[in-house]
Amino acid sequence: MKYAATSSLNNTKQNYTEERMIAEKRRQAGIAFPAPRDQNYLSIVRLNINPVNDKNSVRQGLKRLCTLFEQIDEEIFEIDDTSSDVGFYSYPLTRFNFTATVGFGKQFFTKLGLEKKCPKNLYEVPAYYELGDKSPYLLPQTDLILQLASNDYTANKMVLQNDGYFTFHGDLIRKDQNYVLQPDGGSRDIMGAIEEWAKITDVQNGFHRADGKNLMGFYDGISNPYRLDNNIWITEGEEQEEVVDGTYMVFQKIEHNLNKWNKLDTQKQERWIGRSKATGLLLGTISEDEEKRLISELYSKESSIQRHAKIRLSQLIDEQRDPTKNFFNSYDMRYLNIDKLCPVNSHARMANSRKPIGSKQRFIFRRGCLYMEEDFKNYPKSGILFISYQNDIRIFEEMKHNFSLHDSAQVKPKFPGKVKNYSGQKASMDISFDTLTLGGGYYFIPPIPDKKISEIGQQFFK
């Protein structure tokens, strides 16, 4: 079974909303659209501006980089393929649902003397202890970030580094073995576009599992806010006009100790997460007997029984997709068992504490993915490339502080008697599992000026 990473409306309204946002060409792709599960491979490329560069060279280099992304989007940039049995043919990278998203860190503006153009709520990621993490970060804040996403792993790699050289001949783009760059200021790949003005600090590659679960074996992102809503974008009146329809991006690389995790029994894992491993439902949604029966019916050989079980589970999941619904209200009889049985210090509750009715709801949209490094000396290093978008970075930091309380309560509580919810439920202290944040950064994702991807970031220089 697969669960999408976002809440959904009916297909007709969803398709219309997405088509309208794409046609407006105001918000960068790779955030609200395409859907995360339509882009199973993701690469994070982080860069710093070379210290010897002046403002003009960076402006021109950024223009060259974004022109590359514009040419890909407009299907000008094509690749040749001779691997098929049918022979030679060419096709655009959009065939792979490719998108590139461009973000700027605080130091981008500081280094270039553009402080007045810096979005007012952008700042550098704090020291590890200020966010409740356990050790200094290995991956520091950077000046720039590129998010490359597609449904083909090699497409991201080709955009990063491509040994095919292209130039224009009339309206056609052809290979030029003499290494002639495109006359309009474009480039063949990211490596060529950043030459002499920026340097890559690190590249992180991630993926989505085919079954929609994370590497810990649980369905991820069930209560993510609906991706096409406006709750993550900067709106008029919040900041200066040129940043309206932009958003803030948080990137963190988080390592999971799966060797230790896999030694926990399923019940302990479920209490740490706060959800059923088999269904993805919040603990307490249905009784243990009901769940056993539901799981049995989901895998029944009788198609009619299986179909009805899927409908039943889909209904329960759809209700829990709504991030505004307070399932942890001890005064709501409908969700009393969830409030009692889903541990107060579980991941699900700390990630979204479900504020009382009438409280201001503040959300992040998560678009992270999994990673597994190729070093298998003892146990593969793996975890999540955490990526979130929000109209205020402080929303993420509030959630991050909740996570640090979650980890400290799970691993080494100081005052276990004080950790409880309205129903008097104390946090479960017998679960031991740790994660390690390796670092990352905060970035601003600007809007697209005048519907031209090639102009992304140019508004900061005016």
Protein backbone atom coordinates (compact mmCIF):
# COMPACT_ATOMS: atom_id res chain seq x y z
CA MET A 1 0.00 0.00 0.00
CA LYS A 2 1.12 3.54 -0.70
CA TYR A 3 0.07 6.72 1.05
CA ALA A 4 0.77 10.04 -0.63
CA ALA A 5 2.95 12.47 1.28
CA THR A 6 0.29 15.14 1.43
CA SER A 7 -3.37 15.62 2.18
CA SER A 8 -5.47 15.78 -0.97
CA LEU A 9 -8.58 17.35 -2.43
CA ASN A 10 -10.62 15.75 -5.17
CA ASN A 11 -8.58 15.09 -8.29
CA THR A 12 -10.37 17.63 -10.48
CA LYS A 13 -9.82 20.54 -8.08
CA GLN A 14 -6.25 19.43 -7.34
CA ASN A 15 -5.33 19.23 -11.03
CA TYR A 16 -6.90 22.62 -11.71
CA THR A 17 -5.06 24.26 -8.80
CA GLU A 18 -1.72 22.79 -9.81
CA GLU A 19 -2.15 23.73 -13.48
CA ARG A 20 -3.02 27.29 -12.47
CA MET A 21 0.06 27.61 -10.23
CA ILE A 22 2.31 26.26 -12.98
CA ALA A 23 0.80 28.67 -15.53
CA GLU A 24 1.25 31.65 -13.20
CA LYS A 25 4.98 30.82 -13.08
CA ARG A 26 5.44 32.87 -9.96
CA ARG A 27 6.42 30.21 -7.42
CA GLN A 28 9.43 28.02 -8.00
CA ALA A 29 8.81 24.39 -8.92
CA GLY A 30 10.01 21.58 -6.67
CA ILE A 31 8.06 22.82 -3.65
CA ALA A 32 4.29 22.62 -4.07
CA PHE A 33 4.49 20.94 -7.47
CA PRO A 34 5.09 18.34 -8.75
CA ALA A 35 3.95 16.09 -5.90
CA PRO A 36 6.93 14.67 -3.94
CA ARG A 37 6.13 11.09 -4.94
CA ASP A 38 6.23 12.12 -8.62
CA GLN A 39 9.93 12.87 -8.11
CA ASN A 40 11.48 9.85 -6.43
CA TYR A 41 15.08 11.11 -6.63
CA LEU A 42 16.44 14.29 -5.12
CA SER A 43 19.87 15.94 -5.02
CA ILE A 44 20.81 18.79 -2.71
CA VAL A 45 23.73 20.84 -4.05
CA ARG A 46 25.10 23.45 -1.64
CA LEU A 47 27.48 26.22 -2.68
CA ASN A 48 29.51 29.12 -1.35
CA ILE A 49 30.44 32.26 -3.26
CA ASN A 50 34.15 32.55 -3.99
CA PRO A 51 35.64 35.30 -1.82
CA VAL A 52 37.45 36.98 -4.73
CA ASN A 53 34.26 37.60 -6.68
CA ASP A 54 32.55 40.95 -6.97
CA LYS A 55 28.85 41.63 -7.14
CA ASN A 56 28.72 41.81 -10.93
CA SER A 57 30.45 38.47 -11.56
CA VAL A 58 28.10 36.74 -9.13
CA ARG A 59 25.09 38.37 -10.79
CA GLN A 60 26.23 37.20 -14.23
CA GLY A 61 27.10 33.72 -12.98
CA LEU A 62 23.73 33.36 -11.27
CA LYS A 63 22.05 34.45 -14.50
CA ARG A 64 24.00 31.77 -16.40
CA LEU A 65 22.97 29.12 -13.87
CA CYS A 66 19.28 30.03 -13.92
CA THR A 67 19.31 30.28 -17.73
CA LEU A 68 20.30 26.61 -17.78
CA PHE A 69 17.27 25.78 -15.62
CA GLU A 70 15.03 27.92 -17.82
CA GLN A 71 16.20 26.13 -20.99
CA ILE A 72 15.49 22.77 -19.36
CA ASP A 73 12.02 23.95 -18.35
CA GLU A 74 11.28 25.23 -21.86
CA GLU A 75 12.53 21.93 -23.37
CA ILE A 76 15.29 23.65 -25.32
CA PHE A 77 17.90 21.51 -23.64
CA GLU A 78 17.70 17.93 -24.98
CA ILE A 79 19.79 14.81 -24.52
CA ASP A 80 20.62 12.11 -27.04
CA ASP A 81 19.90 8.45 -26.36
CA THR A 82 21.25 5.53 -28.36
CA SER A 83 20.64 2.85 -25.71
CA SER A 84 17.20 1.84 -26.94
CA ASP A 85 16.59 -1.03 -29.34
CA VAL A 86 14.69 1.35 -31.62
CA GLY A 87 17.82 3.39 -32.31
CA PHE A 88 18.76 7.03 -31.85
CA TYR A 89 16.39 9.66 -30.52
CA SER A 90 16.45 12.86 -28.43
CA TYR A 91 14.17 14.08 -25.66
CA PRO A 92 14.01 16.89 -23.08
CA LEU A 93 14.85 16.43 -19.40
CA THR A 94 11.26 17.40 -18.56
CA ARG A 95 10.46 13.82 -19.58
CA PHE A 96 11.87 12.88 -16.18
CA ASN A 97 9.74 15.44 -14.32
CA PHE A 98 12.92 17.37 -13.58
CA THR A 99 12.80 20.57 -11.52
CA ALA A 100 15.48 22.83 -10.05
CA THR A 101 14.80 25.01 -7.00
CA VAL A 102 17.20 27.85 -6.10
CA GLY A 103 17.67 29.18 -2.56
CA PHE A 104 19.82 31.87 -0.88
CA GLY A 105 21.42 31.90 2.56
CA LYS A 106 21.96 34.96 4.76
CA GLN A 107 25.67 35.20 3.88
CA PHE A 108 24.85 35.55 0.17
CA PHE A 109 23.45 39.00 0.96
CA THR A 110 26.10 39.89 3.54
CA LYS A 111 29.10 39.00 1.36
CA LEU A 112 27.77 41.04 -1.57
CA GLY A 113 26.67 44.07 0.45
CA LEU A 114 23.00 43.37 -0.30
CA GLU A 115 21.75 43.45 3.29
CA LYS A 116 18.87 45.79 2.39
CA LYS A 117 17.58 43.19 -0.07
CA CYS A 118 17.76 40.32 2.40
CA PRO A 119 14.32 38.99 3.46
CA LYS A 120 13.74 40.25 7.00
CA ASN A 121 13.09 36.82 8.51
CA LEU A 122 16.15 35.09 7.02
CA TYR A 123 19.01 34.26 9.37
CA GLU A 124 21.73 31.65 9.66
CA VAL A 125 21.14 28.33 11.34
CA PRO A 126 22.00 28.65 15.07
CA ALA A 127 24.60 26.60 16.93
CA TYR A 128 23.62 22.97 17.48
CA TYR A 129 22.87 23.39 21.20
CA GLU A 130 20.41 26.23 20.51
CA LEU A 131 18.26 23.79 18.53
CA GLY A 132 18.58 20.99 21.06
CA ASP A 133 21.01 18.87 19.06
CA LYS A 134 23.72 16.82 20.75
CA SER A 135 26.94 17.59 18.87
CA PRO A 136 28.49 20.25 16.60
CA TYR A 137 27.32 20.21 13.01
CA LEU A 138 29.53 18.67 10.33
CA LEU A 139 27.61 20.41 7.52
CA PRO A 140 27.68 24.20 8.04
CA GLN A 141 25.42 26.90 6.67
CA THR A 142 26.14 27.80 3.03
CA ASP A 143 25.47 30.81 0.78
CA LEU A 144 23.35 28.98 -1.81
CA ILE A 145 21.37 25.78 -2.20
CA LEU A 146 20.03 23.96 -5.27
CA GLN A 147 17.39 21.27 -5.00
CA LEU A 148 17.32 19.01 -8.06
CA ALA A 149 14.40 16.59 -8.24
CA SER A 150 13.22 14.10 -10.85
CA ASN A 151 11.94 10.57 -11.33
CA ASP A 152 15.31 9.41 -12.69
CA TYR A 153 18.49 9.40 -10.61
CA THR A 154 20.74 10.00 -13.61
CA ALA A 155 18.83 13.10 -14.74
CA ASN A 156 19.96 14.98 -11.62
CA LYS A 157 23.54 13.85 -12.21
CA MET A 158 23.47 14.98 -15.85
CA VAL A 159 22.36 18.49 -14.89
CA LEU A 160 25.10 18.67 -12.28
CA GLN A 161 27.83 17.50 -14.66
CA ASN A 162 27.31 16.85 -18.36
CA ASP A 163 30.09 16.06 -20.84
CA GLY A 164 27.92 16.87 -23.85
CA TYR A 165 28.48 20.38 -25.23
CA PHE A 166 25.67 22.31 -26.85
CA THR A 167 25.17 25.46 -28.86
CA PHE A 168 22.35 27.08 -30.85
CA HIS A 169 21.97 26.71 -34.62
CA GLY A 170 18.90 28.74 -35.47
CA ASP A 171 16.12 27.39 -33.28
CA LEU A 172 17.88 24.06 -32.77
CA ILE A 173 20.39 23.09 -30.15
CA ARG A 174 23.20 20.88 -31.37
CA LYS A 175 26.37 19.37 -30.05
CA ASP A 176 29.48 21.42 -30.49
CA GLN A 177 32.66 19.42 -30.07
CA ASN A 178 34.65 22.67 -29.81
CA TYR A 179 33.12 23.41 -26.40
CA VAL A 180 31.26 26.58 -27.37
CA LEU A 181 28.92 27.86 -24.68
CA GLN A 182 25.44 28.96 -25.61
CA PRO A 183 25.49 32.51 -26.99
CA ASP A 184 22.69 33.77 -24.73
CA GLY A 185 24.74 33.22 -21.59
CA GLY A 186 23.58 29.70 -20.79
CA SER A 187 25.73 26.74 -19.83
CA ARG A 188 25.83 23.00 -20.42
CA ASP A 189 25.61 22.02 -16.71
CA ILE A 190 25.81 23.37 -13.17
CA MET A 191 29.56 22.83 -12.97
CA GLY A 192 30.07 25.05 -16.01
CA ALA A 193 27.58 27.67 -14.82
CA ILE A 194 29.27 28.22 -11.43
CA GLU A 195 32.83 28.20 -12.73
CA GLU A 196 34.90 31.09 -11.33
CA TRP A 197 32.22 32.55 -9.02
CA ALA A 198 31.04 29.76 -6.69
CA LYS A 199 32.20 26.44 -5.33
CA ILE A 200 30.21 23.36 -4.34
CA THR A 201 30.65 22.42 -0.67
CA ASP A 202 28.66 19.18 -0.65
CA VAL A 203 26.11 17.17 -2.63
CA GLN A 204 23.52 15.02 -0.86
CA ASN A 205 21.46 12.45 -2.77
CA GLY A 206 18.14 11.05 -1.59
CA PHE A 207 15.27 8.85 -2.70
CA HIS A 208 11.76 7.70 -1.83
CA ARG A 209 11.03 4.06 -1.10
CA ALA A 210 8.66 2.34 -3.52
CA ASP A 211 6.22 1.53 -0.69
CA GLY A 212 6.11 5.09 0.66
CA LYS A 213 7.71 4.16 3.99
CA ASN A 214 10.84 5.54 5.59
CA LEU A 215 13.89 3.43 6.43
CA MET A 216 12.48 2.83 9.90
CA GLY A 217 9.56 0.98 8.32
CA PHE A 218 6.81 3.56 8.94
CA TYR A 219 4.64 5.54 6.55
CA ASP A 220 5.94 9.11 6.49
CA GLY A 221 4.21 12.44 5.99
CA ILE A 222 0.63 11.30 6.55
CA SER A 223 -0.35 14.57 8.25
CA ASN A 224 1.67 16.85 5.98
CA PRO A 225 -0.44 19.92 5.08
CA TYR A 226 -1.99 19.95 1.64
CA ARG A 227 0.83 20.95 -0.70
CA LEU A 228 -1.15 23.40 -2.85
CA ASP A 229 -2.47 25.47 0.06
CA ASN A 230 -1.10 28.95 0.64
CA ASN A 231 0.08 28.42 4.21
CA ILE A 232 3.81 28.16 3.40
CA TRP A 233 4.15 31.20 1.12
CA ILE A 234 4.96 34.79 2.02
CA THR A 235 1.92 36.93 1.32
CA GLU A 236 1.44 40.65 0.72
CA GLY A 237 2.01 42.76 3.79
CA GLU A 238 4.29 40.26 5.52
CA GLU A 239 7.58 41.38 3.94
CA GLN A 240 8.90 43.56 1.12
CA GLU A 241 7.06 43.23 -2.18
CA GLU A 242 9.84 41.47 -4.12
CA VAL A 243 9.76 38.44 -1.79
CA VAL A 244 5.99 37.84 -1.95
CA ASP A 245 5.27 34.28 -3.17
CA GLY A 246 8.65 33.17 -1.90
CA THR A 247 9.17 30.81 1.04
CA TYR A 248 11.81 29.77 3.55
CA MET A 249 13.60 26.44 3.23
CA VAL A 250 15.18 24.43 6.02
CA PHE A 251 17.62 21.66 5.15
CA GLN A 252 19.06 19.22 7.68
CA LYS A 253 20.80 15.88 7.24
CA ILE A 254 19.72 13.55 10.04
CA GLU A 255 21.35 10.19 10.63
CA HIS A 256 19.37 7.29 12.11
CA ASN A 257 20.96 4.48 14.07
CA LEU A 258 19.09 1.73 12.22
CA ASN A 259 21.30 -0.96 13.72
CA LYS A 260 19.96 -0.02 17.15
CA TRP A 261 16.45 0.70 15.85
CA ASN A 262 16.04 -2.74 14.28
CA LYS A 263 16.81 -4.36 17.63
CA LEU A 264 13.70 -2.77 19.17
CA ASP A 265 10.55 -4.85 19.01
CA THR A 266 7.61 -3.55 16.96
CA GLN A 267 5.65 -2.36 19.99
CA LYS A 268 8.54 -0.18 21.21
CA GLN A 269 9.04 1.21 17.72
CA GLU A 270 5.35 2.07 17.48
CA ARG A 271 5.38 3.84 20.84
CA TRP A 272 8.43 5.86 19.78
CA ILE A 273 6.74 6.92 16.53
CA GLY A 274 3.19 7.07 17.89
CA ARG A 275 1.71 5.22 14.93
CA SER A 276 0.92 1.67 13.90
CA LYS A 277 3.69 0.21 11.77
CA ALA A 278 1.21 -1.82 9.70
CA THR A 279 -1.44 0.82 8.99
CA GLY A 280 0.15 4.20 9.70
CA LEU A 281 -2.75 5.15 12.00
CA LEU A 282 -2.17 7.01 15.25
CA LEU A 283 -2.05 4.56 18.14
CA GLY A 284 -5.49 4.23 19.71
CA THR A 285 -7.38 4.96 16.49
CA ILE A 286 -8.83 1.45 16.59
CA SER A 287 -8.43 -1.35 19.12
CA GLU A 288 -5.73 -4.01 18.79
CA ASP A 289 -8.33 -6.61 17.86
CA GLU A 290 -9.81 -4.30 15.20
CA GLU A 291 -6.40 -3.65 13.74
CA LYS A 292 -5.51 -7.34 13.58
CA ARG A 293 -8.79 -8.01 11.78
CA LEU A 294 -8.27 -5.06 9.42
CA ILE A 295 -4.75 -6.18 8.51
CA SER A 296 -5.97 -9.71 7.91
CA GLU A 297 -8.70 -8.40 5.59
CA LEU A 298 -6.26 -6.14 3.73
CA TYR A 299 -4.33 -9.23 2.65
CA SER A 300 -7.31 -11.48 2.17
CA LYS A 301 -7.47 -13.64 -0.95
CA GLU A 302 -11.10 -12.59 -1.33
CA SER A 303 -11.05 -9.47 -3.50
CA SER A 304 -14.31 -8.09 -2.08
CA ILE A 305 -13.05 -8.38 1.51
CA GLN A 306 -9.74 -6.78 0.56
CA ARG A 307 -11.50 -3.95 -1.28
CA HIS A 308 -13.74 -3.08 1.67
CA ALA A 309 -10.75 -3.18 4.04
CA LYS A 310 -8.83 -0.76 1.83
CA ILE A 311 -11.80 1.60 1.76
CA ARG A 312 -12.05 1.46 5.55
CA LEU A 313 -8.34 2.18 6.05
CA SER A 314 -8.37 4.96 3.45
CA GLN A 315 -11.21 6.67 5.31
CA LEU A 316 -9.30 6.55 8.59
CA ILE A 317 -6.07 7.76 6.96
CA ASP A 318 -7.83 10.60 5.13
CA GLU A 319 -9.22 11.90 8.41
CA GLN A 320 -5.76 11.91 9.98
CA ARG A 321 -4.24 13.74 7.02
CA ASP A 322 -5.76 16.97 8.33
CA PRO A 323 -2.96 18.63 10.36
CA THR A 324 -5.44 21.04 12.01
CA LYS A 325 -7.59 18.33 13.63
CA ASN A 326 -6.79 17.90 17.32
CA PHE A 327 -6.65 14.16 17.96
CA PHE A 328 -5.00 14.77 21.32
CA ASN A 329 -7.92 16.61 22.92
CA SER A 330 -8.79 14.68 26.08
CA TYR A 331 -12.25 16.31 26.11
CA ASP A 332 -13.20 15.01 22.67
CA MET A 333 -14.77 11.58 23.17
CA ARG A 334 -14.16 10.62 19.52
CA TYR A 335 -10.40 10.63 20.01
CA LEU A 336 -10.15 9.70 23.67
CA ASN A 337 -8.28 6.45 22.97
CA ILE A 338 -5.77 8.24 20.72
CA ASP A 339 -5.07 10.75 23.48
CA LYS A 340 -4.58 7.92 25.98
CA LEU A 341 -2.62 5.42 23.88
CA CYS A 342 -0.46 7.61 21.63
CA PRO A 343 2.49 8.45 23.94
CA VAL A 344 2.75 12.11 24.85
CA ASN A 345 6.45 12.12 23.96
CA SER A 346 6.07 10.20 20.68
CA HIS A 347 7.36 11.53 17.37
CA ALA A 348 3.84 12.03 15.99
CA ARG A 349 2.78 14.22 18.90
CA MET A 350 5.97 16.22 19.11
CA ALA A 351 6.00 16.90 15.35
CA ASN A 352 2.46 18.30 15.49
CA SER A 353 1.05 18.83 18.95
CA ARG A 354 -2.37 19.69 17.43
CA LYS A 355 -3.16 23.04 18.98
CA PRO A 356 -6.57 23.65 20.60
CA ILE A 357 -9.42 25.04 18.51
CA GLY A 358 -9.05 28.80 18.14
CA SER A 359 -5.25 28.76 18.37
CA LYS A 360 -3.24 30.05 15.42
CA GLN A 361 -2.16 27.10 13.30
CA ARG A 362 1.38 27.29 11.92
CA PHE A 363 2.60 24.59 9.54
CA ILE A 364 5.62 23.43 7.63
CA PHE A 365 5.44 21.46 4.39
CA ARG A 366 7.93 18.59 4.49
CA ARG A 367 9.50 17.47 1.25
CA GLY A 368 12.36 15.42 2.61
CA CYS A 369 13.59 12.08 1.38
CA LEU A 370 15.73 9.16 2.51
CA TYR A 371 19.42 8.60 2.06
CA MET A 372 21.71 5.60 2.38
CA GLU A 373 25.42 6.04 1.97
CA GLU A 374 27.54 3.48 0.19
CA ASP A 375 29.90 2.83 3.10
CA PHE A 376 29.04 -0.64 4.42
CA LYS A 377 32.01 -1.19 6.75
CA ASN A 378 29.81 -2.02 9.74
CA TYR A 379 26.28 -0.85 9.03
CA PRO A 380 25.19 1.54 6.25
CA LYS A 381 24.90 5.15 7.35
CA SER A 382 21.37 6.22 6.54
CA GLY A 383 18.65 8.59 7.56
CA ILE A 384 16.64 11.44 6.16
CA LEU A 385 17.44 14.55 4.17
CA PHE A 386 14.98 16.72 6.06
CA ILE A 387 13.59 19.51 3.89
CA SER A 388 10.78 21.78 4.95
CA TYR A 389 9.17 24.90 3.55
CA GLN A 390 7.42 27.50 5.70
CA ASN A 391 6.67 31.22 5.68
CA ASP A 392 8.60 31.68 8.93
CA ILE A 393 11.66 29.66 9.99
CA ARG A 394 10.61 29.99 13.62
CA ILE A 395 7.80 27.52 12.94
CA PHE A 396 10.42 24.87 12.20
CA GLU A 397 12.44 25.84 15.27
CA GLU A 398 9.40 25.41 17.51
CA MET A 399 8.97 21.89 16.12
CA LYS A 400 12.70 21.22 16.47
CA HIS A 401 12.63 22.14 20.14
CA ASN A 402 9.70 19.75 20.59
CA PHE A 403 11.82 17.02 19.01
CA SER A 404 14.67 17.67 21.41
CA LEU A 405 12.23 17.26 24.30
CA HIS A 406 11.04 14.04 22.65
CA ASP A 407 14.58 12.65 22.44
CA SER A 408 15.55 13.69 25.96
CA ALA A 409 12.37 12.19 27.37
CA GLN A 410 12.96 8.94 25.50
CA VAL A 411 16.64 8.59 26.35
CA LYS A 412 17.38 10.31 29.65
CA PRO A 413 14.48 12.06 31.38
CA LYS A 414 15.22 14.47 34.25
CA PHE A 415 11.68 14.94 35.50
CA PRO A 416 9.58 11.99 34.25
CA GLY A 417 6.70 12.80 36.55
CA LYS A 418 6.10 16.15 34.83
CA VAL A 419 5.92 14.80 31.29
CA LYS A 420 2.23 14.05 30.77
CA ASN A 421 -0.84 15.17 28.86
CA TYR A 422 -4.29 16.34 29.90
CA SER A 423 -5.52 12.81 30.48
CA GLY A 424 -2.67 12.26 32.94
CA GLN A 425 -0.74 9.94 30.63
CA LYS A 426 2.96 9.89 31.50
CA ALA A 427 5.57 9.63 28.80
CA SER A 428 6.98 6.18 28.13
CA MET A 429 10.55 6.17 29.36
CA ASP A 430 11.59 2.66 28.43
CA ILE A 431 12.34 3.34 24.75
CA SER A 432 15.92 4.05 23.76
CA PHE A 433 16.62 5.28 20.25
CA ASP A 434 18.76 8.19 19.17
CA THR A 435 19.21 10.31 16.03
CA LEU A 436 22.08 12.59 15.04
CA THR A 437 21.68 15.87 13.15
CA LEU A 438 24.73 16.34 10.93
CA GLY A 439 23.95 19.95 9.99
CA GLY A 440 22.38 21.98 7.21
CA GLY A 441 21.13 25.53 6.79
CA TYR A 442 18.33 28.06 6.37
CA TYR A 443 17.55 29.55 2.94
CA PHE A 444 15.14 31.89 1.20
CA ILE A 445 13.47 30.60 -1.99
CA PRO A 446 12.55 33.71 -4.00
CA PRO A 447 9.66 34.03 -6.45
CA ILE A 448 10.22 33.95 -10.21
CA PRO A 449 10.42 37.52 -11.59
CA ASP A 450 8.35 38.26 -14.71
CA LYS A 451 7.75 34.52 -15.32
CA LYS A 452 11.43 34.11 -16.27
CA ILE A 453 13.35 31.41 -14.43
CA SER A 454 16.56 32.98 -15.76
CA GLU A 455 15.79 36.06 -13.63
CA ILE A 456 15.66 34.22 -10.28
CA GLY A 457 17.81 36.17 -7.82
CA GLN A 458 18.37 39.11 -10.17
CA GLN A 459 15.86 41.19 -8.18
CA PHE A 460 18.39 41.32 -5.32
CA PHE A 461 20.87 43.26 -7.46
CA LYS A 462 18.46 46.00 -8.57
